[in-house]
């Protein structure tokens, strides 16, 4: 597995993984902890609500990673623009600069697990990507669509956002 860090778009650590053989090896369970942020959680961060601030503070205190699927981030930006959130770019830049935040490019969404999840999600590649990231790491997902994501993976840990 070849890992490259791309910081050209922001100071955030955006990790692109190039897969060889179609599998991604996750670190052993318990070695690193964190949460995968779905569209609703990212929208909360962009809109600056209290829930997002408490999640971020808890992650900082507990040393947890916030994993940001970049396609979910793009969807959250679109949703925030529609809601006329004040300064979404500023809040987004602040979130992505945080050293505990890691962005994962959608290019890693390949392989048999992803293909099965897309099929179960009736073509919703974003939902499949979020569930794949959470499954590989055994991390919970912060989302407002917990039931829909749990249908893709019944043992998925969901934290409502």
N, C-alpha and C. Protein backbone atom coordinates (compact mmCIF):
# COMPACT_ATOMS: atom_id res chain seq x y z
N UNK A 1 0.84 -1.17 0.00
CA UNK A 1 0.00 0.00 0.00
C UNK A 1 0.89 1.23 0.00
N UNK A 2 0.62 2.13 -0.91
CA UNK A 2 1.38 3.38 -1.03
C UNK A 2 0.55 4.49 -0.42
N UNK A 3 1.09 5.22 0.54
CA UNK A 3 0.38 6.31 1.20
C UNK A 3 1.08 7.62 0.90
N UNK A 4 0.30 8.58 0.41
CA UNK A 4 0.83 9.90 0.13
C UNK A 4 0.00 10.93 0.87
N UNK A 5 0.66 11.94 1.39
CA UNK A 5 -0.04 13.01 2.07
C UNK A 5 -0.06 14.23 1.16
N UNK A 6 -1.25 14.76 0.91
CA UNK A 6 -1.43 15.91 0.05
C UNK A 6 -1.95 17.07 0.90
N UNK A 7 -1.13 18.09 1.08
CA UNK A 7 -1.56 19.25 1.86
C UNK A 7 -1.68 20.49 0.98
N UNK A 8 -1.78 20.31 -0.31
CA UNK A 8 -1.82 21.45 -1.22
C UNK A 8 -3.11 22.25 -1.08
N UNK A 9 -4.24 21.58 -0.81
CA UNK A 9 -5.51 22.29 -0.77
C UNK A 9 -5.76 22.98 0.55
N UNK A 10 -5.20 22.49 1.61
CA UNK A 10 -5.32 23.13 2.92
C UNK A 10 -4.24 22.56 3.81
N UNK A 11 -4.20 23.02 5.04
CA UNK A 11 -3.21 22.48 5.96
C UNK A 11 -3.69 21.18 6.57
N UNK A 12 -4.88 20.74 6.22
CA UNK A 12 -5.40 19.48 6.72
C UNK A 12 -4.61 18.32 6.14
N UNK A 13 -4.62 17.25 6.86
CA UNK A 13 -3.97 16.06 6.35
C UNK A 13 -4.98 15.27 5.53
N UNK A 14 -4.86 15.35 4.21
CA UNK A 14 -5.73 14.60 3.32
C UNK A 14 -4.92 13.42 2.82
N UNK A 15 -5.38 12.25 3.15
CA UNK A 15 -4.62 11.06 2.81
C UNK A 15 -5.25 10.35 1.63
N UNK A 16 -4.46 10.12 0.61
CA UNK A 16 -4.89 9.35 -0.54
C UNK A 16 -4.20 8.00 -0.47
N UNK A 17 -4.98 6.96 -0.55
CA UNK A 17 -4.42 5.61 -0.48
C UNK A 17 -4.54 4.96 -1.85
N UNK A 18 -3.45 4.42 -2.33
CA UNK A 18 -3.47 3.68 -3.57
C UNK A 18 -3.47 2.21 -3.19
N UNK A 19 -4.50 1.51 -3.59
CA UNK A 19 -4.66 0.13 -3.16
C UNK A 19 -4.00 -0.82 -4.16
N UNK A 20 -3.36 -1.80 -3.63
CA UNK A 20 -2.79 -2.87 -4.44
C UNK A 20 -3.49 -4.15 -4.04
N UNK A 21 -4.09 -4.82 -4.99
CA UNK A 21 -4.79 -6.06 -4.70
C UNK A 21 -6.21 -5.86 -4.22
N UNK A 22 -6.70 -4.62 -4.18
CA UNK A 22 -8.09 -4.36 -3.84
C UNK A 22 -8.44 -4.43 -2.38
N UNK A 23 -7.46 -4.51 -1.48
CA UNK A 23 -7.80 -4.55 -0.06
C UNK A 23 -7.07 -3.43 0.67
N UNK A 24 -7.68 -2.96 1.70
CA UNK A 24 -7.09 -1.94 2.54
C UNK A 24 -6.98 -2.53 3.93
N UNK A 25 -5.78 -2.57 4.46
CA UNK A 25 -5.58 -3.13 5.78
C UNK A 25 -5.72 -2.02 6.80
N UNK A 26 -6.68 -2.19 7.70
CA UNK A 26 -6.89 -1.22 8.77
C UNK A 26 -5.95 -1.54 9.92
N UNK A 27 -5.61 -0.55 10.74
CA UNK A 27 -4.80 -0.84 11.91
C UNK A 27 -5.56 -1.75 12.86
N UNK A 28 -4.86 -2.47 13.71
CA UNK A 28 -5.55 -3.36 14.65
C UNK A 28 -6.56 -2.58 15.49
N UNK A 29 -7.68 -3.22 15.78
CA UNK A 29 -8.73 -2.57 16.57
C UNK A 29 -8.15 -2.07 17.89
N UNK A 30 -8.52 -0.87 18.25
CA UNK A 30 -8.07 -0.30 19.51
C UNK A 30 -6.78 0.48 19.42
N UNK A 31 -6.06 0.39 18.29
CA UNK A 31 -4.78 1.08 18.20
C UNK A 31 -4.97 2.58 17.97
N UNK A 32 -5.97 2.95 17.21
CA UNK A 32 -6.29 4.35 16.95
C UNK A 32 -7.80 4.45 17.04
N UNK A 33 -8.30 5.49 17.67
CA UNK A 33 -9.74 5.65 17.78
C UNK A 33 -10.21 6.91 17.12
N UNK A 34 -11.46 6.90 16.72
CA UNK A 34 -12.01 8.10 16.11
C UNK A 34 -13.42 7.89 15.66
N UNK A 35 -13.92 8.87 14.92
CA UNK A 35 -15.26 8.84 14.37
C UNK A 35 -15.22 9.23 12.91
N UNK A 36 -16.09 8.60 12.13
CA UNK A 36 -16.26 8.95 10.72
C UNK A 36 -17.41 9.95 10.66
N UNK A 37 -17.19 11.08 10.01
CA UNK A 37 -18.21 12.14 9.92
C UNK A 37 -18.97 12.03 8.61
N UNK A 38 -20.28 11.88 8.70
CA UNK A 38 -21.14 11.85 7.53
C UNK A 38 -21.58 13.28 7.20
N UNK A 39 -22.39 13.43 6.19
CA UNK A 39 -22.80 14.74 5.70
C UNK A 39 -23.42 15.60 6.79
N UNK A 40 -24.33 15.04 7.58
CA UNK A 40 -25.02 15.85 8.59
C UNK A 40 -24.06 16.36 9.65
N UNK A 41 -23.13 15.53 10.08
CA UNK A 41 -22.15 15.97 11.08
C UNK A 41 -21.26 17.07 10.51
N UNK A 42 -20.85 16.92 9.27
CA UNK A 42 -20.01 17.94 8.64
C UNK A 42 -20.79 19.24 8.43
N UNK A 43 -22.06 19.13 8.12
CA UNK A 43 -22.90 20.32 7.99
C UNK A 43 -22.97 21.04 9.33
N UNK A 44 -23.07 20.29 10.41
CA UNK A 44 -23.09 20.90 11.75
C UNK A 44 -21.81 21.67 12.02
N UNK A 45 -20.68 21.11 11.61
CA UNK A 45 -19.40 21.81 11.79
C UNK A 45 -19.38 23.10 10.98
N UNK A 46 -19.82 23.02 9.73
CA UNK A 46 -19.80 24.18 8.85
C UNK A 46 -20.74 25.27 9.38
N UNK A 47 -21.89 24.86 9.91
CA UNK A 47 -22.86 25.83 10.41
C UNK A 47 -22.52 26.33 11.81
N UNK A 48 -21.54 25.71 12.44
CA UNK A 48 -21.06 26.19 13.73
C UNK A 48 -22.00 25.95 14.89
N UNK A 49 -22.73 24.83 14.89
CA UNK A 49 -23.66 24.62 15.99
C UNK A 49 -22.98 24.01 17.22
N UNK A 50 -23.68 24.00 18.32
CA UNK A 50 -23.12 23.55 19.61
C UNK A 50 -22.76 22.07 19.58
N UNK A 51 -23.55 21.27 18.88
CA UNK A 51 -23.25 19.84 18.79
C UNK A 51 -21.87 19.62 18.20
N UNK A 52 -21.58 20.29 17.11
CA UNK A 52 -20.28 20.14 16.46
C UNK A 52 -19.15 20.59 17.38
N UNK A 53 -19.36 21.68 18.08
CA UNK A 53 -18.33 22.16 19.00
C UNK A 53 -18.06 21.15 20.11
N UNK A 54 -19.11 20.49 20.61
CA UNK A 54 -18.91 19.51 21.67
C UNK A 54 -18.21 18.25 21.15
N UNK A 55 -18.53 17.83 19.93
CA UNK A 55 -17.86 16.67 19.32
C UNK A 55 -16.38 16.97 19.16
N UNK A 56 -16.09 18.15 18.66
CA UNK A 56 -14.69 18.54 18.44
C UNK A 56 -13.93 18.62 19.77
N UNK A 57 -14.54 19.20 20.78
CA UNK A 57 -13.89 19.31 22.09
C UNK A 57 -13.65 17.93 22.69
N UNK A 58 -14.63 17.05 22.58
CA UNK A 58 -14.48 15.69 23.10
C UNK A 58 -13.37 14.95 22.36
N UNK A 59 -13.32 15.09 21.04
CA UNK A 59 -12.27 14.44 20.25
C UNK A 59 -10.89 14.95 20.67
N UNK A 60 -10.77 16.23 20.91
CA UNK A 60 -9.49 16.80 21.33
C UNK A 60 -9.09 16.27 22.71
N UNK A 61 -10.03 16.25 23.65
CA UNK A 61 -9.71 15.76 25.00
C UNK A 61 -9.36 14.28 25.01
N UNK A 62 -10.08 13.50 24.20
CA UNK A 62 -9.89 12.05 24.20
C UNK A 62 -8.81 11.59 23.23
N UNK A 63 -8.27 12.52 22.44
CA UNK A 63 -7.24 12.14 21.46
C UNK A 63 -7.81 11.31 20.32
N UNK A 64 -9.04 11.61 19.92
CA UNK A 64 -9.71 10.88 18.85
C UNK A 64 -9.51 11.58 17.51
N UNK A 65 -9.53 10.80 16.45
CA UNK A 65 -9.43 11.32 15.10
C UNK A 65 -10.82 11.54 14.53
N UNK A 66 -11.00 12.61 13.79
CA UNK A 66 -12.23 12.85 13.05
C UNK A 66 -11.91 12.57 11.58
N UNK A 67 -12.50 11.53 11.05
CA UNK A 67 -12.23 11.12 9.67
C UNK A 67 -13.28 11.73 8.76
N UNK A 68 -12.83 12.49 7.79
CA UNK A 68 -13.72 13.23 6.89
C UNK A 68 -13.65 12.64 5.49
N UNK A 69 -14.70 11.93 5.07
CA UNK A 69 -14.76 11.49 3.67
C UNK A 69 -14.96 12.74 2.79
N UNK A 70 -14.03 13.00 1.91
CA UNK A 70 -14.07 14.24 1.13
C UNK A 70 -15.34 14.37 0.28
N UNK A 71 -15.91 13.28 -0.27
CA UNK A 71 -17.19 13.44 -0.97
C UNK A 71 -18.31 13.89 -0.02
N UNK A 72 -18.28 13.46 1.25
CA UNK A 72 -19.27 13.91 2.23
C UNK A 72 -19.06 15.39 2.54
N UNK A 73 -17.82 15.81 2.57
CA UNK A 73 -17.53 17.22 2.81
C UNK A 73 -18.09 18.09 1.69
N UNK A 74 -17.91 17.65 0.47
CA UNK A 74 -18.45 18.40 -0.67
C UNK A 74 -19.98 18.49 -0.58
N UNK A 75 -20.63 17.40 -0.19
CA UNK A 75 -22.08 17.40 -0.04
C UNK A 75 -22.51 18.34 1.10
N UNK A 76 -21.74 18.37 2.18
CA UNK A 76 -22.05 19.25 3.31
C UNK A 76 -21.91 20.72 2.91
N UNK A 77 -20.92 21.02 2.11
CA UNK A 77 -20.74 22.41 1.63
C UNK A 77 -21.94 22.81 0.79
N UNK A 78 -22.38 21.92 -0.10
CA UNK A 78 -23.56 22.22 -0.92
C UNK A 78 -24.80 22.43 -0.04
N UNK A 79 -24.97 21.57 0.96
CA UNK A 79 -26.12 21.68 1.86
C UNK A 79 -26.06 23.00 2.64
N UNK A 80 -24.89 23.38 3.09
CA UNK A 80 -24.73 24.62 3.87
C UNK A 80 -24.98 25.85 3.01
N UNK A 81 -24.56 25.80 1.77
CA UNK A 81 -24.82 26.94 0.87
C UNK A 81 -26.31 27.11 0.67
N UNK A 82 -27.03 25.98 0.56
CA UNK A 82 -28.47 26.05 0.39
C UNK A 82 -29.15 26.62 1.62
N UNK A 83 -28.57 26.39 2.81
CA UNK A 83 -29.15 26.88 4.06
C UNK A 83 -28.64 28.29 4.40
N UNK A 84 -27.79 28.84 3.55
CA UNK A 84 -27.24 30.19 3.74
C UNK A 84 -26.47 30.30 5.06
N UNK A 85 -25.68 29.31 5.37
CA UNK A 85 -24.86 29.34 6.58
C UNK A 85 -23.83 30.45 6.47
N UNK A 86 -23.60 31.19 7.56
CA UNK A 86 -22.61 32.27 7.50
C UNK A 86 -21.18 31.71 7.48
N UNK A 87 -20.36 32.24 6.61
CA UNK A 87 -18.94 31.89 6.51
C UNK A 87 -18.65 30.39 6.48
N UNK A 88 -19.30 29.62 5.60
CA UNK A 88 -19.01 28.18 5.60
C UNK A 88 -17.55 27.88 5.24
N UNK A 89 -16.97 28.67 4.36
CA UNK A 89 -15.57 28.42 3.96
C UNK A 89 -14.63 28.63 5.13
N UNK A 90 -14.88 29.64 5.93
CA UNK A 90 -14.03 29.92 7.08
C UNK A 90 -14.12 28.81 8.11
N UNK A 91 -15.33 28.37 8.42
CA UNK A 91 -15.50 27.29 9.40
C UNK A 91 -14.92 25.98 8.87
N UNK A 92 -15.09 25.74 7.61
CA UNK A 92 -14.54 24.54 7.00
C UNK A 92 -13.02 24.54 7.06
N UNK A 93 -12.42 25.65 6.72
CA UNK A 93 -10.95 25.76 6.77
C UNK A 93 -10.45 25.55 8.19
N UNK A 94 -11.16 26.10 9.16
CA UNK A 94 -10.77 25.93 10.57
C UNK A 94 -10.83 24.46 10.98
N UNK A 95 -11.90 23.79 10.59
CA UNK A 95 -12.03 22.36 10.91
C UNK A 95 -10.92 21.56 10.27
N UNK A 96 -10.67 21.79 8.99
CA UNK A 96 -9.72 20.97 8.25
C UNK A 96 -8.27 21.25 8.63
N UNK A 97 -7.99 22.38 9.27
CA UNK A 97 -6.65 22.67 9.75
C UNK A 97 -6.32 21.93 11.03
N UNK A 98 -7.33 21.48 11.72
CA UNK A 98 -7.13 20.82 13.00
C UNK A 98 -6.32 19.54 12.80
N UNK A 99 -5.26 19.32 13.59
CA UNK A 99 -4.41 18.15 13.38
C UNK A 99 -5.11 16.81 13.63
N UNK A 100 -6.24 16.81 14.31
CA UNK A 100 -6.94 15.54 14.56
C UNK A 100 -7.90 15.19 13.42
N UNK A 101 -8.03 16.07 12.43
CA UNK A 101 -8.94 15.86 11.31
C UNK A 101 -8.16 15.32 10.12
N UNK A 102 -8.67 14.22 9.58
CA UNK A 102 -8.04 13.61 8.41
C UNK A 102 -9.09 13.47 7.31
N UNK A 103 -8.80 14.02 6.15
CA UNK A 103 -9.68 13.88 5.00
C UNK A 103 -9.26 12.69 4.17
N UNK A 104 -10.23 11.91 3.72
CA UNK A 104 -9.95 10.73 2.89
C UNK A 104 -10.62 10.92 1.54
N UNK A 105 -9.82 10.89 0.50
CA UNK A 105 -10.31 11.06 -0.86
C UNK A 105 -11.20 9.88 -1.27
N UNK A 106 -12.15 10.17 -2.12
CA UNK A 106 -13.06 9.14 -2.61
C UNK A 106 -12.40 8.12 -3.50
N UNK A 107 -11.17 8.37 -3.95
CA UNK A 107 -10.47 7.44 -4.84
C UNK A 107 -10.18 6.12 -4.16
N UNK A 108 -10.23 6.08 -2.83
CA UNK A 108 -9.96 4.81 -2.13
C UNK A 108 -11.17 3.89 -2.18
N UNK A 109 -12.28 4.38 -2.68
CA UNK A 109 -13.51 3.59 -2.71
C UNK A 109 -13.48 2.60 -3.86
N UNK A 110 -12.73 1.54 -3.67
CA UNK A 110 -12.63 0.47 -4.64
C UNK A 110 -12.59 -0.86 -3.91
N UNK A 111 -12.83 -1.92 -4.65
CA UNK A 111 -12.70 -3.24 -4.07
C UNK A 111 -14.04 -3.91 -3.83
N UNK A 112 -13.98 -5.18 -3.47
CA UNK A 112 -15.21 -5.96 -3.31
C UNK A 112 -16.12 -5.46 -2.19
N UNK A 113 -15.55 -5.02 -1.06
CA UNK A 113 -16.39 -4.51 0.03
C UNK A 113 -17.18 -3.29 -0.44
N UNK A 114 -16.49 -2.37 -1.09
CA UNK A 114 -17.17 -1.17 -1.58
C UNK A 114 -18.25 -1.53 -2.59
N UNK A 115 -17.94 -2.42 -3.51
CA UNK A 115 -18.92 -2.82 -4.52
C UNK A 115 -20.17 -3.42 -3.88
N UNK A 116 -20.00 -4.26 -2.87
CA UNK A 116 -21.15 -4.85 -2.17
C UNK A 116 -21.97 -3.78 -1.47
N UNK A 117 -21.29 -2.83 -0.84
CA UNK A 117 -21.99 -1.76 -0.12
C UNK A 117 -22.77 -0.87 -1.09
N UNK A 118 -22.19 -0.55 -2.24
CA UNK A 118 -22.90 0.27 -3.24
C UNK A 118 -24.16 -0.46 -3.70
N UNK A 119 -24.04 -1.75 -3.91
CA UNK A 119 -25.20 -2.54 -4.34
C UNK A 119 -26.29 -2.50 -3.26
N UNK A 120 -25.92 -2.70 -2.01
CA UNK A 120 -26.89 -2.66 -0.91
C UNK A 120 -27.50 -1.27 -0.74
N UNK A 121 -26.72 -0.24 -1.09
CA UNK A 121 -27.18 1.15 -0.93
C UNK A 121 -27.94 1.65 -2.16
N UNK A 122 -28.29 0.76 -3.04
CA UNK A 122 -29.02 1.11 -4.26
C UNK A 122 -28.30 2.21 -5.04
N UNK A 123 -26.97 2.10 -5.12
CA UNK A 123 -26.18 3.03 -5.91
C UNK A 123 -25.68 4.25 -5.17
N UNK A 124 -26.01 4.41 -3.90
CA UNK A 124 -25.55 5.58 -3.13
C UNK A 124 -24.09 5.38 -2.75
N UNK A 125 -23.20 5.89 -3.59
CA UNK A 125 -21.76 5.68 -3.40
C UNK A 125 -21.24 6.40 -2.15
N UNK A 126 -21.83 7.53 -1.81
CA UNK A 126 -21.40 8.25 -0.62
C UNK A 126 -21.71 7.44 0.64
N UNK A 127 -22.91 6.92 0.74
CA UNK A 127 -23.27 6.09 1.90
C UNK A 127 -22.36 4.87 1.98
N UNK A 128 -22.10 4.25 0.84
CA UNK A 128 -21.22 3.08 0.82
C UNK A 128 -19.81 3.45 1.25
N UNK A 129 -19.32 4.59 0.84
CA UNK A 129 -17.97 5.04 1.20
C UNK A 129 -17.87 5.29 2.71
N UNK A 130 -18.86 5.97 3.27
CA UNK A 130 -18.86 6.25 4.70
C UNK A 130 -18.87 4.95 5.50
N UNK A 131 -19.73 4.02 5.11
CA UNK A 131 -19.81 2.73 5.81
C UNK A 131 -18.52 1.94 5.63
N UNK A 132 -17.93 1.98 4.45
CA UNK A 132 -16.67 1.27 4.23
C UNK A 132 -15.57 1.80 5.15
N UNK A 133 -15.45 3.12 5.25
CA UNK A 133 -14.43 3.70 6.12
C UNK A 133 -14.65 3.31 7.57
N UNK A 134 -15.89 3.35 8.02
CA UNK A 134 -16.20 2.97 9.40
C UNK A 134 -15.95 1.49 9.64
N UNK A 135 -16.29 0.67 8.68
CA UNK A 135 -16.11 -0.79 8.81
C UNK A 135 -14.63 -1.15 8.88
N UNK A 136 -13.82 -0.55 8.02
CA UNK A 136 -12.39 -0.86 8.00
C UNK A 136 -11.71 -0.52 9.32
N UNK A 137 -12.22 0.49 10.00
CA UNK A 137 -11.57 0.94 11.23
C UNK A 137 -12.29 0.50 12.50
N UNK A 138 -13.49 -0.04 12.34
CA UNK A 138 -14.37 -0.37 13.48
C UNK A 138 -14.66 0.88 14.30
N UNK A 139 -14.91 2.00 13.60
CA UNK A 139 -15.22 3.28 14.22
C UNK A 139 -16.71 3.58 14.01
N UNK A 140 -17.31 4.34 14.91
CA UNK A 140 -18.70 4.76 14.70
C UNK A 140 -18.78 5.90 13.68
N UNK A 141 -20.01 6.07 13.17
CA UNK A 141 -20.30 7.13 12.21
C UNK A 141 -21.21 8.14 12.88
N UNK A 142 -20.87 9.42 12.77
CA UNK A 142 -21.76 10.49 13.23
C UNK A 142 -22.62 10.88 12.04
N UNK A 143 -23.95 10.64 12.16
CA UNK A 143 -24.84 10.82 11.02
C UNK A 143 -26.28 11.04 11.47
N UNK A 144 -27.08 11.57 10.56
CA UNK A 144 -28.51 11.67 10.80
C UNK A 144 -29.27 10.59 10.02
N UNK A 145 -28.55 9.75 9.34
CA UNK A 145 -29.19 8.68 8.56
C UNK A 145 -28.71 7.30 9.03
N UNK A 146 -28.74 7.14 10.34
CA UNK A 146 -28.25 5.91 10.95
C UNK A 146 -28.96 4.66 10.49
N UNK A 147 -30.29 4.71 10.37
CA UNK A 147 -31.04 3.53 9.94
C UNK A 147 -30.65 3.11 8.53
N UNK A 148 -30.50 4.08 7.65
CA UNK A 148 -30.14 3.78 6.26
C UNK A 148 -28.74 3.18 6.18
N UNK A 149 -27.79 3.74 6.95
CA UNK A 149 -26.43 3.21 6.92
C UNK A 149 -26.36 1.85 7.60
N UNK A 150 -27.14 1.66 8.65
CA UNK A 150 -27.14 0.37 9.36
C UNK A 150 -27.72 -0.74 8.48
N UNK A 151 -28.56 -0.39 7.52
CA UNK A 151 -29.06 -1.41 6.59
C UNK A 151 -27.93 -1.94 5.71
N UNK A 152 -26.91 -1.12 5.49
CA UNK A 152 -25.77 -1.56 4.69
C UNK A 152 -24.86 -2.47 5.50
N UNK A 153 -24.82 -2.21 6.78
CA UNK A 153 -23.94 -2.98 7.68
C UNK A 153 -24.62 -3.01 9.06
N UNK A 154 -25.34 -4.08 9.37
CA UNK A 154 -26.12 -4.13 10.61
C UNK A 154 -25.30 -3.91 11.89
N UNK A 155 -24.03 -4.25 11.89
CA UNK A 155 -23.22 -4.08 13.10
C UNK A 155 -22.53 -2.71 13.14
N UNK A 156 -22.90 -1.80 12.25
CA UNK A 156 -22.31 -0.47 12.22
C UNK A 156 -22.67 0.31 13.48
N UNK A 157 -21.67 0.95 14.06
CA UNK A 157 -21.92 1.80 15.22
C UNK A 157 -22.30 3.18 14.72
N UNK A 158 -23.44 3.70 15.22
CA UNK A 158 -23.96 4.99 14.76
C UNK A 158 -24.16 5.90 15.95
N UNK A 159 -23.69 7.14 15.81
CA UNK A 159 -23.94 8.19 16.80
C UNK A 159 -24.79 9.24 16.08
N UNK A 160 -26.01 9.47 16.55
CA UNK A 160 -26.86 10.44 15.88
C UNK A 160 -26.25 11.85 15.90
N UNK A 161 -26.39 12.55 14.78
CA UNK A 161 -25.90 13.94 14.72
C UNK A 161 -27.02 14.87 14.39
